[in-house]
Amino acid sequence: MQTTIPLEKETVQVLEKLKSKYNVSSYDKLIKQMLQKETQTPKSLFGAHQKMKPFKRDKADFHEL
């Protein structure tokens, strides 16, 4: 499904430059690559540490409601 999105001239100029930077032939491909890049969450945001041992809970951490 195709759609039309109104953009200002300055925005189109920036998108044209980014198409060259990302080496893509369409705005659709450009936007998809930018969204994919933007939505990747680095492992560092989840507290992942290469040398960290797995976390274990003590029995005292658990309680009945």
PDB file of N, CA and C in Angstrom:
ATOM      1  N   MET A   1       0.840  -1.174   0.000  1.00  0.00           N
ATOM      2  CA  MET A   1       0.000   0.000   0.000  1.00  0.00           C
ATOM      3  C   MET A   1       0.888   1.243   0.000  1.00  0.00           C
ATOM      4  N   GLN A   2       0.683   2.096  -0.936  1.00  0.00           N
ATOM      5  CA  GLN A   2       1.442   3.337  -0.987  1.00  0.00           C
ATOM      6  C   GLN A   2       0.617   4.461  -0.393  1.00  0.00           C
ATOM      7  N   THR A   3       1.331   5.461   0.119  1.00  0.00           N
ATOM      8  CA  THR A   3       0.658   6.617   0.695  1.00  0.00           C
ATOM      9  C   THR A   3       1.498   7.852   0.420  1.00  0.00           C
ATOM     10  N   THR A   4       0.903   8.997   0.575  1.00  0.00           N
ATOM     11  CA  THR A   4       1.593  10.266   0.363  1.00  0.00           C
ATOM     12  C   THR A   4       1.700  10.983   1.705  1.00  0.00           C
ATOM     13  N   ILE A   5       2.900  11.483   1.985  1.00  0.00           N
ATOM     14  CA  ILE A   5       3.131  12.212   3.228  1.00  0.00           C
ATOM     15  C   ILE A   5       3.624  13.611   2.856  1.00  0.00           C
ATOM     16  N   PRO A   6       2.942  14.655   3.305  1.00  0.00           N
ATOM     17  CA  PRO A   6       3.408  16.010   2.996  1.00  0.00           C
ATOM     18  C   PRO A   6       4.675  16.338   3.801  1.00  0.00           C
ATOM     19  N   LEU A   7       5.695  16.826   3.095  1.00  0.00           N
ATOM     20  CA  LEU A   7       6.960  17.196   3.732  1.00  0.00           C
ATOM     21  C   LEU A   7       7.389  18.576   3.268  1.00  0.00           C
ATOM     22  N   GLU A   8       8.101  19.256   4.137  1.00  0.00           N
ATOM     23  CA  GLU A   8       8.668  20.545   3.755  1.00  0.00           C
ATOM     24  C   GLU A   8       9.894  20.311   2.875  1.00  0.00           C
ATOM     25  N   LYS A   9      10.252  21.307   2.065  1.00  0.00           N
ATOM     26  CA  LYS A   9      11.387  21.169   1.148  1.00  0.00           C
ATOM     27  C   LYS A   9      12.676  20.833   1.881  1.00  0.00           C
ATOM     28  N   GLU A  10      12.874  21.446   3.035  1.00  0.00           N
ATOM     29  CA  GLU A  10      14.091  21.187   3.805  1.00  0.00           C
ATOM     30  C   GLU A  10      14.171  19.723   4.227  1.00  0.00           C
ATOM     31  N   THR A  11      13.030  19.153   4.587  1.00  0.00           N
ATOM     32  CA  THR A  11      12.990  17.750   4.996  1.00  0.00           C
ATOM     33  C   THR A  11      13.336  16.847   3.827  1.00  0.00           C
ATOM     34  N   VAL A  12      12.822  17.149   2.664  1.00  0.00           N
ATOM     35  CA  VAL A  12      13.123  16.363   1.463  1.00  0.00           C
ATOM     36  C   VAL A  12      14.613  16.442   1.141  1.00  0.00           C
ATOM     37  N   GLN A  13      15.202  17.619   1.299  1.00  0.00           N
ATOM     38  CA  GLN A  13      16.633  17.775   1.039  1.00  0.00           C
ATOM     39  C   GLN A  13      17.459  16.913   1.985  1.00  0.00           C
ATOM     40  N   VAL A  14      17.081  16.885   3.244  1.00  0.00           N
ATOM     41  CA  VAL A  14      17.794  16.060   4.222  1.00  0.00           C
ATOM     42  C   VAL A  14      17.624  14.584   3.874  1.00  0.00           C
ATOM     43  N   LEU A  15      16.414  14.191   3.517  1.00  0.00           N
ATOM     44  CA  LEU A  15      16.165  12.798   3.140  1.00  0.00           C
ATOM     45  C   LEU A  15      16.985  12.406   1.907  1.00  0.00           C
ATOM     46  N   GLU A  16      17.126  13.300   0.959  1.00  0.00           N
ATOM     47  CA  GLU A  16      17.948  13.015  -0.228  1.00  0.00           C
ATOM     48  C   GLU A  16      19.405  12.755   0.165  1.00  0.00           C
ATOM     49  N   LYS A  17      19.925  13.563   1.058  1.00  0.00           N
ATOM     50  CA  LYS A  17      21.301  13.367   1.530  1.00  0.00           C
ATOM     51  C   LYS A  17      21.440  12.036   2.258  1.00  0.00           C
ATOM     52  N   LEU A  18      20.443  11.706   3.065  1.00  0.00           N
ATOM     53  CA  LEU A  18      20.486  10.452   3.809  1.00  0.00           C
ATOM     54  C   LEU A  18      20.358   9.242   2.889  1.00  0.00           C
ATOM     55  N   LYS A  19      19.617   9.378   1.795  1.00  0.00           N
ATOM     56  CA  LYS A  19      19.527   8.284   0.828  1.00  0.00           C
ATOM     57  C   LYS A  19      20.915   7.952   0.288  1.00  0.00           C
ATOM     58  N   SER A  20      21.700   8.980   0.033  1.00  0.00           N
ATOM     59  CA  SER A  20      23.074   8.755  -0.432  1.00  0.00           C
ATOM     60  C   SER A  20      23.923   8.133   0.665  1.00  0.00           C
ATOM     61  N   LYS A  21      23.793   8.654   1.875  1.00  0.00           N
ATOM     62  CA  LYS A  21      24.576   8.146   3.001  1.00  0.00           C
ATOM     63  C   LYS A  21      24.279   6.671   3.256  1.00  0.00           C
ATOM     64  N   TYR A  22      23.000   6.290   3.220  1.00  0.00           N
ATOM     65  CA  TYR A  22      22.593   4.907   3.474  1.00  0.00           C
ATOM     66  C   TYR A  22      22.682   4.039   2.213  1.00  0.00           C
ATOM     67  N   ASN A  23      22.984   4.672   1.087  1.00  0.00           N
ATOM     68  CA  ASN A  23      23.112   3.972  -0.188  1.00  0.00           C
ATOM     69  C   ASN A  23      21.835   3.191  -0.536  1.00  0.00           C
ATOM     70  N   VAL A  24      20.703   3.888  -0.489  1.00  0.00           N
ATOM     71  CA  VAL A  24      19.424   3.289  -0.841  1.00  0.00           C
ATOM     72  C   VAL A  24      18.791   4.063  -1.988  1.00  0.00           C
ATOM     73  N   SER A  25      17.856   3.431  -2.664  1.00  0.00           N
ATOM     74  CA  SER A  25      17.270   4.039  -3.856  1.00  0.00           C
ATOM     75  C   SER A  25      15.890   4.664  -3.641  1.00  0.00           C
ATOM     76  N   SER A  26      15.310   4.460  -2.467  1.00  0.00           N
ATOM     77  CA  SER A  26      13.968   5.007  -2.243  1.00  0.00           C
ATOM     78  C   SER A  26      13.824   5.533  -0.816  1.00  0.00           C
ATOM     79  N   TYR A  27      12.842   6.399  -0.652  1.00  0.00           N
ATOM     80  CA  TYR A  27      12.550   6.911   0.687  1.00  0.00           C
ATOM     81  C   TYR A  27      12.057   5.788   1.587  1.00  0.00           C
ATOM     82  N   ASP A  28      11.301   4.869   1.015  1.00  0.00           N
ATOM     83  CA  ASP A  28      10.790   3.745   1.794  1.00  0.00           C
ATOM     84  C   ASP A  28      11.939   2.938   2.389  1.00  0.00           C
ATOM     85  N   LYS A  29      12.931   2.612   1.566  1.00  0.00           N
ATOM     86  CA  LYS A  29      14.085   1.848   2.065  1.00  0.00           C
ATOM     87  C   LYS A  29      14.853   2.642   3.108  1.00  0.00           C
ATOM     88  N   LEU A  30      14.985   3.932   2.870  1.00  0.00           N
ATOM     89  CA  LEU A  30      15.680   4.795   3.824  1.00  0.00           C
ATOM     90  C   LEU A  30      14.963   4.791   5.172  1.00  0.00           C
ATOM     91  N   ILE A  31      13.675   5.001   5.141  1.00  0.00           N
ATOM     92  CA  ILE A  31      12.900   5.060   6.380  1.00  0.00           C
ATOM     93  C   ILE A  31      12.948   3.719   7.109  1.00  0.00           C
ATOM     94  N   LYS A  32      12.851   2.619   6.370  1.00  0.00           N
ATOM     95  CA  LYS A  32      12.931   1.301   6.996  1.00  0.00           C
ATOM     96  C   LYS A  32      14.270   1.091   7.679  1.00  0.00           C
ATOM     97  N   GLN A  33      15.366   1.487   7.013  1.00  0.00           N
ATOM     98  CA  GLN A  33      16.691   1.334   7.632  1.00  0.00           C
ATOM     99  C   GLN A  33      16.833   2.210   8.862  1.00  0.00           C
ATOM    100  N   MET A  34      16.344   3.431   8.774  1.00  0.00           N
ATOM    101  CA  MET A  34      16.442   4.338   9.919  1.00  0.00           C
ATOM    102  C   MET A  34      15.608   3.825  11.085  1.00  0.00           C
ATOM    103  N   LEU A  35      14.426   3.298  10.812  1.00  0.00           N
ATOM    104  CA  LEU A  35      13.580   2.750  11.876  1.00  0.00           C
ATOM    105  C   LEU A  35      14.217   1.521  12.501  1.00  0.00           C
ATOM    106  N   GLN A  36      14.801   0.672  11.675  1.00  0.00           N
ATOM    107  CA  GLN A  36      15.459  -0.533  12.192  1.00  0.00           C
ATOM    108  C   GLN A  36      16.621  -0.147  13.089  1.00  0.00           C
ATOM    109  N   LYS A  37      17.388   0.824  12.648  1.00  0.00           N
ATOM    110  CA  LYS A  37      18.527   1.296  13.451  1.00  0.00           C
ATOM    111  C   LYS A  37      18.048   1.931  14.761  1.00  0.00           C
ATOM    112  N   GLU A  38      16.992   2.698  14.678  1.00  0.00           N
ATOM    113  CA  GLU A  38      16.475   3.410  15.845  1.00  0.00           C
ATOM    114  C   GLU A  38      15.840   2.474  16.866  1.00  0.00           C
ATOM    115  N   THR A  39      15.214   1.410  16.403  1.00  0.00           N
ATOM    116  CA  THR A  39      14.499   0.536  17.324  1.00  0.00           C
ATOM    117  C   THR A  39      15.351  -0.578  17.908  1.00  0.00           C
ATOM    118  N   GLN A  40      16.592  -0.703  17.483  1.00  0.00           N
ATOM    119  CA  GLN A  40      17.482  -1.699  18.095  1.00  0.00           C
ATOM    120  C   GLN A  40      17.882  -1.198  19.475  1.00  0.00           C
ATOM    121  N   THR A  41      17.629  -1.994  20.477  1.00  0.00           N
ATOM    122  CA  THR A  41      17.976  -1.621  21.837  1.00  0.00           C
ATOM    123  C   THR A  41      19.279  -2.309  22.219  1.00  0.00           C
ATOM    124  N   PRO A  42      20.306  -1.522  22.529  1.00  0.00           N
ATOM    125  CA  PRO A  42      21.574  -2.139  22.918  1.00  0.00           C
ATOM    126  C   PRO A  42      21.444  -2.967  24.192  1.00  0.00           C
ATOM    127  N   LYS A  43      22.199  -4.050  24.252  1.00  0.00           N
ATOM    128  CA  LYS A  43      22.169  -4.906  25.443  1.00  0.00           C
ATOM    129  C   LYS A  43      22.556  -4.130  26.693  1.00  0.00           C
ATOM    130  N   SER A  44      23.359  -3.103  26.545  1.00  0.00           N
ATOM    131  CA  SER A  44      23.806  -2.343  27.708  1.00  0.00           C
ATOM    132  C   SER A  44      22.639  -1.698  28.454  1.00  0.00           C
ATOM    133  N   LEU A  45      21.523  -1.475  27.769  1.00  0.00           N
ATOM    134  CA  LEU A  45      20.374  -0.883  28.439  1.00  0.00           C
ATOM    135  C   LEU A  45      19.662  -1.879  29.337  1.00  0.00           C
ATOM    136  N   PHE A  46      19.971  -3.153  29.195  1.00  0.00           N
ATOM    137  CA  PHE A  46      19.339  -4.178  30.011  1.00  0.00           C
ATOM    138  C   PHE A  46      20.264  -4.664  31.120  1.00  0.00           C
ATOM    139  N   GLY A  47      21.365  -4.018  31.343  1.00  0.00           N
ATOM    140  CA  GLY A  47      22.274  -4.393  32.402  1.00  0.00           C
ATOM    141  C   GLY A  47      23.129  -5.597  32.064  1.00  0.00           C
ATOM    142  N   ALA A  48      23.184  -5.973  30.807  1.00  0.00           N
ATOM    143  CA  ALA A  48      24.010  -7.117  30.397  1.00  0.00           C
ATOM    144  C   ALA A  48      25.482  -6.740  30.550  1.00  0.00           C
ATOM    145  N   HIS A  49      26.214  -7.597  31.181  1.00  0.00           N
ATOM    146  CA  HIS A  49      27.636  -7.370  31.376  1.00  0.00           C
ATOM    147  C   HIS A  49      28.356  -8.659  31.022  1.00  0.00           C
ATOM    148  N   GLN A  50      29.350  -8.561  30.162  1.00  0.00           N
ATOM    149  CA  GLN A  50      30.039  -9.741  29.638  1.00  0.00           C
ATOM    150  C   GLN A  50      30.568 -10.663  30.738  1.00  0.00           C
ATOM    151  N   LYS A  51      31.114 -10.092  31.821  1.00  0.00           N
ATOM    152  CA  LYS A  51      31.774 -10.893  32.849  1.00  0.00           C
ATOM    153  C   LYS A  51      30.877 -11.184  34.060  1.00  0.00           C
ATOM    154  N   MET A  52      29.643 -10.743  34.007  1.00  0.00           N
ATOM    155  CA  MET A  52      28.748 -10.915  35.144  1.00  0.00           C
ATOM    156  C   MET A  52      28.181 -12.339  35.193  1.00  0.00           C
ATOM    157  N   LYS A  53      28.144 -12.914  36.382  1.00  0.00           N
ATOM    158  CA  LYS A  53      27.593 -14.254  36.560  1.00  0.00           C
ATOM    159  C   LYS A  53      26.070 -14.174  36.625  1.00  0.00           C
ATOM    160  N   PRO A  54      25.381 -15.273  36.301  1.00  0.00           N
ATOM    161  CA  PRO A  54      23.917 -15.262  36.360  1.00  0.00           C
ATOM    162  C   PRO A  54      23.418 -14.910  37.757  1.00  0.00           C
ATOM    163  N   PHE A  55      22.310 -14.215  37.821  1.00  0.00           N
ATOM    164  CA  PHE A  55      21.715 -13.765  39.066  1.00  0.00           C
ATOM    165  C   PHE A  55      20.896 -14.885  39.690  1.00  0.00           C
ATOM    166  N   LYS A  56      21.050 -15.082  40.994  1.00  0.00           N
ATOM    167  CA  LYS A  56      20.267 -16.075  41.727  1.00  0.00           C
ATOM    168  C   LYS A  56      19.589 -15.388  42.903  1.00  0.00           C
ATOM    169  N   ARG A  57      18.328 -15.737  43.117  1.00  0.00           N
ATOM    170  CA  ARG A  57      17.578 -15.159  44.235  1.00  0.00           C
ATOM    171  C   ARG A  57      17.696 -16.025  45.474  1.00  0.00           C
ATOM    172  N   ASP A  58      17.678 -15.375  46.630  1.00  0.00           N
ATOM    173  CA  ASP A  58      17.633 -16.080  47.907  1.00  0.00           C
ATOM    174  C   ASP A  58      16.198 -16.473  48.202  1.00  0.00           C
ATOM    175  N   LYS A  59      16.030 -17.489  49.061  1.00  0.00           N
ATOM    176  CA  LYS A  59      14.669 -17.880  49.453  1.00  0.00           C
ATOM    177  C   LYS A  59      13.962 -16.727  50.164  1.00  0.00           C
ATOM    178  N   ALA A  60      14.713 -15.890  50.847  1.00  0.00           N
ATOM    179  CA  ALA A  60      14.117 -14.767  51.565  1.00  0.00           C
ATOM    180  C   ALA A  60      13.482 -13.754  50.622  1.00  0.00           C
ATOM    181  N   ASP A  61      13.861 -13.770  49.358  1.00  0.00           N
ATOM    182  CA  ASP A  61      13.293 -12.838  48.380  1.00  0.00           C
ATOM    183  C   ASP A  61      11.858 -13.198  48.011  1.00  0.00           C
ATOM    184  N   PHE A  62      11.482 -14.445  48.238  1.00  0.00           N
ATOM    185  CA  PHE A  62      10.147 -14.911  47.850  1.00  0.00           C
ATOM    186  C   PHE A  62       9.218 -14.853  49.061  1.00  0.00           C
ATOM    187  N   HIS A  63       7.985 -14.443  48.826  1.00  0.00           N
ATOM    188  CA  HIS A  63       6.993 -14.430  49.896  1.00  0.00           C
ATOM    189  C   HIS A  63       5.608 -14.668  49.288  1.00  0.00           C
ATOM    190  N   GLU A  64       4.716 -15.172  50.112  1.00  0.00           N
ATOM    191  CA  GLU A  64       3.368 -15.440  49.665  1.00  0.00           C
ATOM    192  C   GLU A  64       2.528 -14.189  49.851  1.00  0.00           C
ATOM    193  N   LEU A  65       1.560 -14.046  48.958  1.00  0.00           N
ATOM    194  CA  LEU A  65       0.652 -12.900  49.061  1.00  0.00           C
ATOM    195  C   LEU A  65      -0.572 -13.261  49.839  1.00  0.00           C
TER     196      LEU A  65
END
